[in-house]
Amino acid sequence: VPVKVKKDLTQSPFVELIAKSQLQLENGRLIVRYSGTESYLRIMVEDINQELALTISKNLAYNLQEQLF
């Protein structure tokens, strides 16, 4: 997700959006972090259910992007 300003992801509403997405995972992991070299927010979702991981990553990217702009 492209960003202009790297806001604190441990604050509301970001932490809640990320936690909600993590709860949707069946058996996997979710990592959200800013790129160290580019103006991007990186979202990595892995799950035993590939379709679920893709859906979660798309929804989280959309929701975080709305809050970052």
C-alpha atoms as a PDB file:
ATOM      1  CA  VAL A   1       0.000   0.000   0.000  1.00  0.00           C
ATOM      2  CA  PRO A   2       1.573   3.344  -0.974  1.00  0.00           C
ATOM      3  CA  VAL A   3       1.768   5.877   1.860  1.00  0.00           C
ATOM      4  CA  LYS A   4       2.757   9.506   2.190  1.00  0.00           C
ATOM      5  CA  VAL A   5       3.184   9.543   5.974  1.00  0.00           C
ATOM      6  CA  LYS A   6       4.127   6.501   8.056  1.00  0.00           C
ATOM      7  CA  LYS A   7       1.601   6.635  10.895  1.00  0.00           C
ATOM      8  CA  ASP A   8       1.978   4.596  14.088  1.00  0.00           C
ATOM      9  CA  LEU A   9       0.397   1.191  13.448  1.00  0.00           C
ATOM     10  CA  THR A  10       0.184   0.455  17.191  1.00  0.00           C
ATOM     11  CA  GLN A  11      -2.455   3.165  17.582  1.00  0.00           C
ATOM     12  CA  SER A  12      -6.176   3.161  16.851  1.00  0.00           C
ATOM     13  CA  PRO A  13      -7.691   2.438  14.322  1.00  0.00           C
ATOM     14  CA  PHE A  14      -4.757   0.519  12.800  1.00  0.00           C
ATOM     15  CA  VAL A  15      -4.190  -1.905  15.658  1.00  0.00           C
ATOM     16  CA  GLU A  16      -7.879  -2.862  15.678  1.00  0.00           C
ATOM     17  CA  LEU A  17      -8.003  -3.437  11.908  1.00  0.00           C
ATOM     18  CA  ILE A  18      -4.915  -5.642  12.038  1.00  0.00           C
ATOM     19  CA  ALA A  19      -6.167  -7.613  15.068  1.00  0.00           C
ATOM     20  CA  LYS A  20      -9.550  -8.191  13.424  1.00  0.00           C
ATOM     21  CA  SER A  21      -7.822  -9.570  10.330  1.00  0.00           C
ATOM     22  CA  GLN A  22      -5.624 -11.872  12.416  1.00  0.00           C
ATOM     23  CA  LEU A  23      -8.701 -13.369  14.064  1.00  0.00           C
ATOM     24  CA  GLN A  24     -10.036 -14.374  10.641  1.00  0.00           C
ATOM     25  CA  LEU A  25      -7.055 -16.637   9.926  1.00  0.00           C
ATOM     26  CA  GLU A  26      -7.628 -20.378  10.161  1.00  0.00           C
ATOM     27  CA  ASN A  27      -4.010 -21.455  10.583  1.00  0.00           C
ATOM     28  CA  GLY A  28      -1.562 -18.830   9.470  1.00  0.00           C
ATOM     29  CA  ARG A  29       0.133 -15.540  10.190  1.00  0.00           C
ATOM     30  CA  LEU A  30      -0.143 -11.887   9.286  1.00  0.00           C
ATOM     31  CA  ILE A  31       2.639  -9.308   9.197  1.00  0.00           C
ATOM     32  CA  VAL A  32       2.114  -5.588   8.616  1.00  0.00           C
ATOM     33  CA  ARG A  33       5.117  -3.256   8.470  1.00  0.00           C
ATOM     34  CA  TYR A  34       6.424  -0.240   6.671  1.00  0.00           C
ATOM     35  CA  SER A  35       9.106  -0.660   4.035  1.00  0.00           C
ATOM     36  CA  GLY A  36      12.462   0.592   5.214  1.00  0.00           C
ATOM     37  CA  THR A  37      13.455   1.899   1.801  1.00  0.00           C
ATOM     38  CA  GLU A  38      10.213   2.923   0.089  1.00  0.00           C
ATOM     39  CA  SER A  39       7.003   4.754   0.976  1.00  0.00           C
ATOM     40  CA  TYR A  40       4.943   1.580   1.237  1.00  0.00           C
ATOM     41  CA  LEU A  41       3.065  -0.334   3.880  1.00  0.00           C
ATOM     42  CA  ARG A  42       3.755  -4.028   3.370  1.00  0.00           C
ATOM     43  CA  ILE A  43       1.109  -6.633   4.198  1.00  0.00           C
ATOM     44  CA  MET A  44       1.959 -10.337   4.255  1.00  0.00           C
ATOM     45  CA  VAL A  45      -0.757 -12.912   4.942  1.00  0.00           C
ATOM     46  CA  GLU A  46      -0.130 -16.665   5.000  1.00  0.00           C
ATOM     47  CA  ASP A  47      -2.748 -19.284   5.759  1.00  0.00           C
ATOM     48  CA  ILE A  48      -3.438 -22.927   5.051  1.00  0.00           C
ATOM     49  CA  ASN A  49      -6.444 -21.648   3.071  1.00  0.00           C
ATOM     50  CA  GLN A  50      -4.958 -19.616   0.199  1.00  0.00           C
ATOM     51  CA  GLU A  51      -8.268 -18.014  -0.833  1.00  0.00           C
ATOM     52  CA  LEU A  52      -8.863 -16.844   2.728  1.00  0.00           C
ATOM     53  CA  ALA A  53      -5.367 -15.350   2.916  1.00  0.00           C
ATOM     54  CA  LEU A  54      -5.937 -13.464  -0.335  1.00  0.00           C
ATOM     55  CA  THR A  55      -9.315 -12.136   0.824  1.00  0.00           C
ATOM     56  CA  ILE A  56      -7.918 -11.022   4.186  1.00  0.00           C
ATOM     57  CA  SER A  57      -4.943  -9.286   2.570  1.00  0.00           C
ATOM     58  CA  LYS A  58      -7.116  -7.417   0.056  1.00  0.00           C
ATOM     59  CA  ASN A  59      -9.616  -6.312   2.716  1.00  0.00           C
ATOM     60  CA  LEU A  60      -6.893  -5.256   5.145  1.00  0.00           C
ATOM     61  CA  ALA A  61      -5.029  -3.332   2.439  1.00  0.00           C
ATOM     62  CA  TYR A  62      -8.216  -1.503   1.480  1.00  0.00           C
ATOM     63  CA  ASN A  63      -9.141  -0.670   5.095  1.00  0.00           C
ATOM     64  CA  LEU A  64      -5.653   0.479   6.044  1.00  0.00           C
ATOM     65  CA  GLN A  65      -5.320   2.569   2.901  1.00  0.00           C
ATOM     66  CA  GLU A  66      -8.580   4.351   3.748  1.00  0.00           C
ATOM     67  CA  GLN A  67      -7.191   5.267   7.167  1.00  0.00           C
ATOM     68  CA  LEU A  68      -3.747   6.310   5.913  1.00  0.00           C
ATOM     69  CA  PHE A  69      -5.067   8.928   3.467  1.00  0.00           C
END
